[in-house]
Amino acid sequence: MWTVVEHRRVGRQVDSIPAKTLRRYETWKDVVFLSGPEGVRGIEGFRDEPRPGKKKGRRQSWLDDGWRVVYRVKNREIRVRAIRGQ
């Protein structure tokens, strides 16, 4: 089992996220909780990848075409930094 820690900013962002994307985020959290980042990488729909540029060490998973979750892995803990839309 993994620990999922959400940044306080994520709680504020939830109000502006479409319902379909919010359901995908909840599914993403369930997968990460049970099997960690490897489980998310195994699901093609999430398109998990490292962050480009200066944000080394962080990863992103796509929830929908315009929404992604940005996170960092540290000692069996997933720290969710943001949910961003385009």
PDB file of N, CA and C in Angstrom:
ATOM      1  N   MET A   1       0.839  -1.188   0.000  1.00  0.00           N
ATOM      2  CA  MET A   1       0.000   0.000   0.000  1.00  0.00           C
ATOM      3  C   MET A   1       0.882   1.249   0.000  1.00  0.00           C
ATOM      4  N   TRP A   2       0.449   2.236  -0.730  1.00  0.00           N
ATOM      5  CA  TRP A   2       1.153   3.499  -0.843  1.00  0.00           C
ATOM      6  C   TRP A   2       0.347   4.587  -0.148  1.00  0.00           C
ATOM      7  N   THR A   3       1.001   5.651   0.235  1.00  0.00           N
ATOM      8  CA  THR A   3       0.338   6.795   0.843  1.00  0.00           C
ATOM      9  C   THR A   3       0.205   7.893  -0.204  1.00  0.00           C
ATOM     10  N   VAL A   4      -0.987   8.479  -0.305  1.00  0.00           N
ATOM     11  CA  VAL A   4      -1.224   9.581  -1.235  1.00  0.00           C
ATOM     12  C   VAL A   4      -1.466  10.836  -0.412  1.00  0.00           C
ATOM     13  N   VAL A   5      -0.599  11.836  -0.589  1.00  0.00           N
ATOM     14  CA  VAL A   5      -0.697  13.103   0.138  1.00  0.00           C
ATOM     15  C   VAL A   5      -0.979  14.200  -0.879  1.00  0.00           C
ATOM     16  N   GLU A   6      -2.090  14.907  -0.698  1.00  0.00           N
ATOM     17  CA  GLU A   6      -2.453  15.982  -1.613  1.00  0.00           C
ATOM     18  C   GLU A   6      -2.027  17.326  -1.042  1.00  0.00           C
ATOM     19  N   HIS A   7      -1.456  18.150  -1.878  1.00  0.00           N
ATOM     20  CA  HIS A   7      -1.111  19.515  -1.492  1.00  0.00           C
ATOM     21  C   HIS A   7      -2.411  20.268  -1.225  1.00  0.00           C
ATOM     22  N   ARG A   8      -2.372  21.263  -0.356  1.00  0.00           N
ATOM     23  CA  ARG A   8      -3.601  21.991  -0.006  1.00  0.00           C
ATOM     24  C   ARG A   8      -4.218  22.680  -1.221  1.00  0.00           C
ATOM     25  N   ARG A   9      -3.402  23.005  -2.207  1.00  0.00           N
ATOM     26  CA  ARG A   9      -3.883  23.629  -3.437  1.00  0.00           C
ATOM     27  C   ARG A   9      -4.846  22.712  -4.196  1.00  0.00           C
ATOM     28  N   VAL A  10      -4.617  21.413  -4.112  1.00  0.00           N
ATOM     29  CA  VAL A  10      -5.453  20.447  -4.823  1.00  0.00           C
ATOM     30  C   VAL A  10      -6.888  20.517  -4.307  1.00  0.00           C
ATOM     31  N   GLY A  11      -7.062  20.698  -3.011  1.00  0.00           N
ATOM     32  CA  GLY A  11      -8.403  20.808  -2.443  1.00  0.00           C
ATOM     33  C   GLY A  11      -9.185  21.980  -3.016  1.00  0.00           C
ATOM     34  N   ARG A  12      -8.498  23.066  -3.287  1.00  0.00           N
ATOM     35  CA  ARG A  12      -9.161  24.240  -3.881  1.00  0.00           C
ATOM     36  C   ARG A  12      -9.453  24.031  -5.360  1.00  0.00           C
ATOM     37  N   GLN A  13      -8.623  23.263  -6.036  1.00  0.00           N
ATOM     38  CA  GLN A  13      -8.790  23.047  -7.464  1.00  0.00           C
ATOM     39  C   GLN A  13      -9.952  22.115  -7.780  1.00  0.00           C
ATOM     40  N   VAL A  14     -10.334  21.294  -6.842  1.00  0.00           N
ATOM     41  CA  VAL A  14     -11.377  20.295  -7.073  1.00  0.00           C
ATOM     42  C   VAL A  14     -12.695  20.946  -7.494  1.00  0.00           C
ATOM     43  N   ASP A  15     -12.978  22.139  -6.996  1.00  0.00           N
ATOM     44  CA  ASP A  15     -14.234  22.809  -7.343  1.00  0.00           C
ATOM     45  C   ASP A  15     -14.318  23.183  -8.816  1.00  0.00           C
ATOM     46  N   SER A  16     -13.190  23.416  -9.462  1.00  0.00           N
ATOM     47  CA  SER A  16     -13.202  23.850 -10.858  1.00  0.00           C
ATOM     48  C   SER A  16     -13.007  22.704 -11.852  1.00  0.00           C
ATOM     49  N   ILE A  17     -12.849  21.495 -11.367  1.00  0.00           N
ATOM     50  CA  ILE A  17     -12.614  20.347 -12.245  1.00  0.00           C
ATOM     51  C   ILE A  17     -13.953  19.766 -12.696  1.00  0.00           C
ATOM     52  N   PRO A  18     -14.101  19.454 -13.987  1.00  0.00           N
ATOM     53  CA  PRO A  18     -15.328  18.801 -14.464  1.00  0.00           C
ATOM     54  C   PRO A  18     -15.550  17.449 -13.767  1.00  0.00           C
ATOM     55  N   ALA A  19     -16.794  17.055 -13.648  1.00  0.00           N
ATOM     56  CA  ALA A  19     -17.144  15.828 -12.920  1.00  0.00           C
ATOM     57  C   ALA A  19     -16.476  14.584 -13.513  1.00  0.00           C
ATOM     58  N   LYS A  20     -16.424  14.485 -14.834  1.00  0.00           N
ATOM     59  CA  LYS A  20     -15.805  13.334 -15.486  1.00  0.00           C
ATOM     60  C   LYS A  20     -14.315  13.246 -15.133  1.00  0.00           C
ATOM     61  N   THR A  21     -13.633  14.372 -15.142  1.00  0.00           N
ATOM     62  CA  THR A  21     -12.211  14.416 -14.806  1.00  0.00           C
ATOM     63  C   THR A  21     -11.991  14.105 -13.336  1.00  0.00           C
ATOM     64  N   LEU A  22     -12.876  14.574 -12.488  1.00  0.00           N
ATOM     65  CA  LEU A  22     -12.776  14.290 -11.059  1.00  0.00           C
ATOM     66  C   LEU A  22     -12.911  12.791 -10.790  1.00  0.00           C
ATOM     67  N   ARG A  23     -13.815  12.116 -11.514  1.00  0.00           N
ATOM     68  CA  ARG A  23     -13.946  10.657 -11.371  1.00  0.00           C
ATOM     69  C   ARG A  23     -12.668   9.947 -11.814  1.00  0.00           C
ATOM     70  N   ARG A  24     -12.055  10.424 -12.906  1.00  0.00           N
ATOM     71  CA  ARG A  24     -10.794   9.838 -13.361  1.00  0.00           C
ATOM     72  C   ARG A  24      -9.682  10.058 -12.333  1.00  0.00           C
ATOM     73  N   TYR A  25      -9.678  11.217 -11.684  1.00  0.00           N
ATOM     74  CA  TYR A  25      -8.679  11.498 -10.643  1.00  0.00           C
ATOM     75  C   TYR A  25      -8.867  10.548  -9.461  1.00  0.00           C
ATOM     76  N   GLU A  26     -10.101  10.325  -9.056  1.00  0.00           N
ATOM     77  CA  GLU A  26     -10.369   9.388  -7.965  1.00  0.00           C
ATOM     78  C   GLU A  26      -9.918   7.977  -8.340  1.00  0.00           C
ATOM     79  N   THR A  27     -10.131   7.571  -9.586  1.00  0.00           N
ATOM     80  CA  THR A  27      -9.658   6.270 -10.056  1.00  0.00           C
ATOM     81  C   THR A  27      -8.136   6.217 -10.029  1.00  0.00           C
ATOM     82  N   TRP A  28      -7.500   7.308 -10.471  1.00  0.00           N
ATOM     83  CA  TRP A  28      -6.038   7.397 -10.452  1.00  0.00           C
ATOM     84  C   TRP A  28      -5.516   7.225  -9.027  1.00  0.00           C
ATOM     85  N   LYS A  29      -6.150   7.905  -8.063  1.00  0.00           N
ATOM     86  CA  LYS A  29      -5.725   7.790  -6.665  1.00  0.00           C
ATOM     87  C   LYS A  29      -5.865   6.360  -6.165  1.00  0.00           C
ATOM     88  N   ASP A  30      -6.951   5.673  -6.530  1.00  0.00           N
ATOM     89  CA  ASP A  30      -7.144   4.288  -6.105  1.00  0.00           C
ATOM     90  C   ASP A  30      -6.043   3.383  -6.651  1.00  0.00           C
ATOM     91  N   VAL A  31      -5.709   3.549  -7.930  1.00  0.00           N
ATOM     92  CA  VAL A  31      -4.661   2.727  -8.544  1.00  0.00           C
ATOM     93  C   VAL A  31      -3.323   2.990  -7.873  1.00  0.00           C
ATOM     94  N   VAL A  32      -2.998   4.260  -7.635  1.00  0.00           N
ATOM     95  CA  VAL A  32      -1.727   4.617  -7.001  1.00  0.00           C
ATOM     96  C   VAL A  32      -1.676   4.091  -5.574  1.00  0.00           C
ATOM     97  N   PHE A  33      -2.764   4.174  -4.855  1.00  0.00           N
ATOM     98  CA  PHE A  33      -2.808   3.688  -3.478  1.00  0.00           C
ATOM     99  C   PHE A  33      -2.522   2.188  -3.415  1.00  0.00           C
ATOM    100  N   LEU A  34      -3.078   1.434  -4.344  1.00  0.00           N
ATOM    101  CA  LEU A  34      -2.922  -0.016  -4.314  1.00  0.00           C
ATOM    102  C   LEU A  34      -1.603  -0.499  -4.912  1.00  0.00           C
ATOM    103  N   SER A  35      -1.173   0.087  -6.038  1.00  0.00           N
ATOM    104  CA  SER A  35      -0.008  -0.478  -6.714  1.00  0.00           C
ATOM    105  C   SER A  35       1.101   0.522  -7.031  1.00  0.00           C
ATOM    106  N   GLY A  36       0.979   1.754  -6.577  1.00  0.00           N
ATOM    107  CA  GLY A  36       2.039   2.736  -6.763  1.00  0.00           C
ATOM    108  C   GLY A  36       2.140   3.243  -8.187  1.00  0.00           C
ATOM    109  N   PRO A  37       3.208   3.951  -8.492  1.00  0.00           N
ATOM    110  CA  PRO A  37       3.375   4.527  -9.822  1.00  0.00           C
ATOM    111  C   PRO A  37       3.482   3.475 -10.932  1.00  0.00           C
ATOM    112  N   GLU A  38       3.989   2.302 -10.606  1.00  0.00           N
ATOM    113  CA  GLU A  38       4.083   1.243 -11.613  1.00  0.00           C
ATOM    114  C   GLU A  38       2.709   0.828 -12.112  1.00  0.00           C
ATOM    115  N   GLY A  39       1.726   0.835 -11.231  1.00  0.00           N
ATOM    116  CA  GLY A  39       0.365   0.496 -11.632  1.00  0.00           C
ATOM    117  C   GLY A  39      -0.217   1.512 -12.594  1.00  0.00           C
ATOM    118  N   VAL A  40       0.079   2.784 -12.365  1.00  0.00           N
ATOM    119  CA  VAL A  40      -0.417   3.839 -13.252  1.00  0.00           C
ATOM    120  C   VAL A  40       0.272   3.751 -14.606  1.00  0.00           C
ATOM    121  N   ARG A  41       1.562   3.445 -14.607  1.00  0.00           N
ATOM    122  CA  ARG A  41       2.297   3.337 -15.871  1.00  0.00           C
ATOM    123  C   ARG A  41       1.774   2.193 -16.718  1.00  0.00           C
ATOM    124  N   GLY A  42       1.195   1.193 -16.091  1.00  0.00           N
ATOM    125  CA  GLY A  42       0.655   0.050 -16.824  1.00  0.00           C
ATOM    126  C   GLY A  42      -0.673   0.326 -17.495  1.00  0.00           C
ATOM    127  N   ILE A  43      -1.329   1.424 -17.146  1.00  0.00           N
ATOM    128  CA  ILE A  43      -2.615   1.773 -17.746  1.00  0.00           C
ATOM    129  C   ILE A  43      -2.364   2.832 -18.810  1.00  0.00           C
ATOM    130  N   GLU A  44      -2.579   2.489 -20.073  1.00  0.00           N
ATOM    131  CA  GLU A  44      -2.259   3.383 -21.176  1.00  0.00           C
ATOM    132  C   GLU A  44      -3.041   4.692 -21.148  1.00  0.00           C
ATOM    133  N   GLY A  45      -4.249   4.675 -20.670  1.00  0.00           N
ATOM    134  CA  GLY A  45      -5.092   5.867 -20.676  1.00  0.00           C
ATOM    135  C   GLY A  45      -4.562   7.010 -19.839  1.00  0.00           C
ATOM    136  N   PHE A  46      -3.732   6.725 -18.838  1.00  0.00           N
ATOM    137  CA  PHE A  46      -3.197   7.779 -17.979  1.00  0.00           C
ATOM    138  C   PHE A  46      -1.925   8.415 -18.549  1.00  0.00           C
ATOM    139  N   ARG A  47      -1.288   7.777 -19.528  1.00  0.00           N
ATOM    140  CA  ARG A  47      -0.088   8.318 -20.187  1.00  0.00           C
ATOM    141  C   ARG A  47       0.889   8.931 -19.183  1.00  0.00           C
ATOM    142  N   ASP A  48       1.314   8.149 -18.234  1.00  0.00           N
ATOM    143  CA  ASP A  48       2.234   8.615 -17.194  1.00  0.00           C
ATOM    144  C   ASP A  48       3.612   8.869 -17.796  1.00  0.00           C
ATOM    145  N   GLU A  49       4.202  10.026 -17.460  1.00  0.00           N
ATOM    146  CA  GLU A  49       5.496  10.406 -18.029  1.00  0.00           C
ATOM    147  C   GLU A  49       6.225  11.358 -17.091  1.00  0.00           C
ATOM    148  N   PRO A  50       7.561  11.452 -17.228  1.00  0.00           N
ATOM    149  CA  PRO A  50       8.303  12.431 -16.417  1.00  0.00           C
ATOM    150  C   PRO A  50       8.000  13.849 -16.878  1.00  0.00           C
ATOM    151  N   ARG A  51       8.085  14.805 -15.958  1.00  0.00           N
ATOM    152  CA  ARG A  51       7.856  16.213 -16.305  1.00  0.00           C
ATOM    153  C   ARG A  51       9.000  16.730 -17.155  1.00  0.00           C
ATOM    154  N   PRO A  52       8.713  17.475 -18.191  1.00  0.00           N
ATOM    155  CA  PRO A  52       9.782  18.032 -19.023  1.00  0.00           C
ATOM    156  C   PRO A  52      10.411  19.269 -18.380  1.00  0.00           C
ATOM    157  N   GLY A  53      11.600  19.584 -18.799  1.00  0.00           N
ATOM    158  CA  GLY A  53      12.238  20.830 -18.372  1.00  0.00           C
ATOM    159  C   GLY A  53      12.854  20.782 -16.999  1.00  0.00           C
ATOM    160  N   LYS A  54      12.696  21.872 -16.262  1.00  0.00           N
ATOM    161  CA  LYS A  54      13.350  22.050 -14.959  1.00  0.00           C
ATOM    162  C   LYS A  54      12.713  21.235 -13.839  1.00  0.00           C
ATOM    163  N   LYS A  55      11.593  20.642 -14.067  1.00  0.00           N
ATOM    164  CA  LYS A  55      10.846  19.935 -13.024  1.00  0.00           C
ATOM    165  C   LYS A  55      11.282  18.478 -12.897  1.00  0.00           C
ATOM    166  N   LYS A  56      12.570  18.223 -12.860  1.00  0.00           N
ATOM    167  CA  LYS A  56      13.071  16.853 -12.735  1.00  0.00           C
ATOM    168  C   LYS A  56      12.642  16.253 -11.402  1.00  0.00           C
ATOM    169  N   GLY A  57      12.347  14.970 -11.437  1.00  0.00           N
ATOM    170  CA  GLY A  57      11.914  14.277 -10.232  1.00  0.00           C
ATOM    171  C   GLY A  57      10.404  14.236 -10.092  1.00  0.00           C
ATOM    172  N   ARG A  58       9.704  15.041 -10.859  1.00  0.00           N
ATOM    173  CA  ARG A  58       8.240  15.030 -10.824  1.00  0.00           C
ATOM    174  C   ARG A  58       7.719  14.296 -12.043  1.00  0.00           C
ATOM    175  N   ARG A  59       6.535  13.767 -11.914  1.00  0.00           N
ATOM    176  CA  ARG A  59       5.884  13.039 -13.002  1.00  0.00           C
ATOM    177  C   ARG A  59       4.502  13.621 -13.229  1.00  0.00           C
ATOM    178  N   GLN A  60       3.921  13.278 -14.357  1.00  0.00           N
ATOM    179  CA  GLN A  60       2.560  13.705 -14.641  1.00  0.00           C
ATOM    180  C   GLN A  60       1.804  12.568 -15.292  1.00  0.00           C
ATOM    181  N   SER A  61       0.519  12.497 -14.981  1.00  0.00           N
ATOM    182  CA  SER A  61      -0.387  11.543 -15.605  1.00  0.00           C
ATOM    183  C   SER A  61      -1.540  12.334 -16.179  1.00  0.00           C
ATOM    184  N   TRP A  62      -1.925  11.986 -17.390  1.00  0.00           N
ATOM    185  CA  TRP A  62      -3.031  12.687 -18.044  1.00  0.00           C
ATOM    186  C   TRP A  62      -4.349  12.054 -17.620  1.00  0.00           C
ATOM    187  N   LEU A  63      -5.267  12.892 -17.147  1.00  0.00           N
ATOM    188  CA  LEU A  63      -6.589  12.418 -16.744  1.00  0.00           C
ATOM    189  C   LEU A  63      -7.553  12.466 -17.923  1.00  0.00           C
ATOM    190  N   ASP A  64      -7.498  13.533 -18.668  1.00  0.00           N
ATOM    191  CA  ASP A  64      -8.282  13.736 -19.890  1.00  0.00           C
ATOM    192  C   ASP A  64      -7.376  14.446 -20.883  1.00  0.00           C
ATOM    193  N   ASP A  65      -7.935  14.859 -22.006  1.00  0.00           N
ATOM    194  CA  ASP A  65      -7.130  15.544 -23.015  1.00  0.00           C
ATOM    195  C   ASP A  65      -6.517  16.833 -22.484  1.00  0.00           C
ATOM    196  N   GLY A  66      -7.216  17.548 -21.643  1.00  0.00           N
ATOM    197  CA  GLY A  66      -6.703  18.819 -21.163  1.00  0.00           C
ATOM    198  C   GLY A  66      -6.335  18.865 -19.698  1.00  0.00           C
ATOM    199  N   TRP A  67      -6.470  17.762 -18.978  1.00  0.00           N
ATOM    200  CA  TRP A  67      -6.219  17.761 -17.530  1.00  0.00           C
ATOM    201  C   TRP A  67      -5.169  16.731 -17.165  1.00  0.00           C
ATOM    202  N   ARG A  68      -4.257  17.132 -16.275  1.00  0.00           N
ATOM    203  CA  ARG A  68      -3.221  16.213 -15.816  1.00  0.00           C
ATOM    204  C   ARG A  68      -2.989  16.406 -14.314  1.00  0.00           C
ATOM    205  N   VAL A  69      -2.468  15.352 -13.688  1.00  0.00           N
ATOM    206  CA  VAL A  69      -2.102  15.413 -12.280  1.00  0.00           C
ATOM    207  C   VAL A  69      -0.572  15.375 -12.206  1.00  0.00           C
ATOM    208  N   VAL A  70       0.002  16.295 -11.430  1.00  0.00           N
ATOM    209  CA  VAL A  70       1.454  16.403 -11.272  1.00  0.00           C
ATOM    210  C   VAL A  70       1.799  15.879  -9.881  1.00  0.00           C
ATOM    211  N   TYR A  71       2.778  14.966  -9.815  1.00  0.00           N
ATOM    212  CA  TYR A  71       3.103  14.361  -8.527  1.00  0.00           C
ATOM    213  C   TYR A  71       4.581  14.037  -8.430  1.00  0.00           C
ATOM    214  N   ARG A  72       5.003  13.707  -7.226  1.00  0.00           N
ATOM    215  CA  ARG A  72       6.383  13.313  -6.937  1.00  0.00           C
ATOM    216  C   ARG A  72       6.342  12.055  -6.072  1.00  0.00           C
ATOM    217  N   VAL A  73       7.258  11.142  -6.303  1.00  0.00           N
ATOM    218  CA  VAL A  73       7.350   9.899  -5.536  1.00  0.00           C
ATOM    219  C   VAL A  73       8.513  10.020  -4.566  1.00  0.00           C
ATOM    220  N   LYS A  74       8.236   9.709  -3.283  1.00  0.00           N
ATOM    221  CA  LYS A  74       9.281   9.761  -2.270  1.00  0.00           C
ATOM    222  C   LYS A  74       8.954   8.767  -1.162  1.00  0.00           C
ATOM    223  N   ASN A  75       9.779   7.734  -1.041  1.00  0.00           N
ATOM    224  CA  ASN A  75       9.651   6.752   0.043  1.00  0.00           C
ATOM    225  C   ASN A  75       8.249   6.173   0.187  1.00  0.00           C
ATOM    226  N   ARG A  76       7.750   5.543  -0.859  1.00  0.00           N
ATOM    227  CA  ARG A  76       6.416   4.924  -0.868  1.00  0.00           C
ATOM    228  C   ARG A  76       5.318   5.924  -0.534  1.00  0.00           C
ATOM    229  N   GLU A  77       5.568   7.165  -0.876  1.00  0.00           N
ATOM    230  CA  GLU A  77       4.582   8.223  -0.669  1.00  0.00           C
ATOM    231  C   GLU A  77       4.438   8.994  -1.982  1.00  0.00           C
ATOM    232  N   ILE A  78       3.211   9.195  -2.398  1.00  0.00           N
ATOM    233  CA  ILE A  78       2.914   9.958  -3.603  1.00  0.00           C
ATOM    234  C   ILE A  78       2.431  11.327  -3.152  1.00  0.00           C
ATOM    235  N   ARG A  79       3.163  12.367  -3.530  1.00  0.00           N
ATOM    236  CA  ARG A  79       2.797  13.735  -3.153  1.00  0.00           C
ATOM    237  C   ARG A  79       2.209  14.437  -4.364  1.00  0.00           C
ATOM    238  N   VAL A  80       0.903  14.610  -4.354  1.00  0.00           N
ATOM    239  CA  VAL A  80       0.205  15.263  -5.461  1.00  0.00           C
ATOM    240  C   VAL A  80       0.380  16.766  -5.313  1.00  0.00           C
ATOM    241  N   ARG A  81       0.967  17.400  -6.319  1.00  0.00           N
ATOM    242  CA  ARG A  81       1.238  18.835  -6.274  1.00  0.00           C
ATOM    243  C   ARG A  81       0.110  19.654  -6.883  1.00  0.00           C
ATOM    244  N   ALA A  82      -0.458  19.198  -7.991  1.00  0.00           N
ATOM    245  CA  ALA A  82      -1.467  20.005  -8.664  1.00  0.00           C
ATOM    246  C   ALA A  82      -2.251  19.172  -9.662  1.00  0.00           C
ATOM    247  N   ILE A  83      -3.433  19.659  -9.966  1.00  0.00           N
ATOM    248  CA  ILE A  83      -4.230  19.137 -11.077  1.00  0.00           C
ATOM    249  C   ILE A  83      -4.399  20.327 -12.001  1.00  0.00           C
ATOM    250  N   ARG A  84      -3.891  20.202 -13.217  1.00  0.00           N
ATOM    251  CA  ARG A  84      -3.856  21.346 -14.127  1.00  0.00           C
ATOM    252  C   ARG A  84      -4.640  21.064 -15.393  1.00  0.00           C
ATOM    253  N   GLY A  85      -5.303  22.088 -15.859  1.00  0.00           N
ATOM    254  CA  GLY A  85      -5.993  22.032 -17.145  1.00  0.00           C
ATOM    255  C   GLY A  85      -5.337  22.970 -18.122  1.00  0.00           C
ATOM    256  N   GLN A  86      -5.632  22.769 -19.383  1.00  0.00           N
ATOM    257  CA  GLN A  86      -5.036  23.648 -20.390  1.00  0.00           C
ATOM    258  C   GLN A  86      -5.930  24.807 -20.693  1.00  0.00           C
TER     259      GLN A  86
END
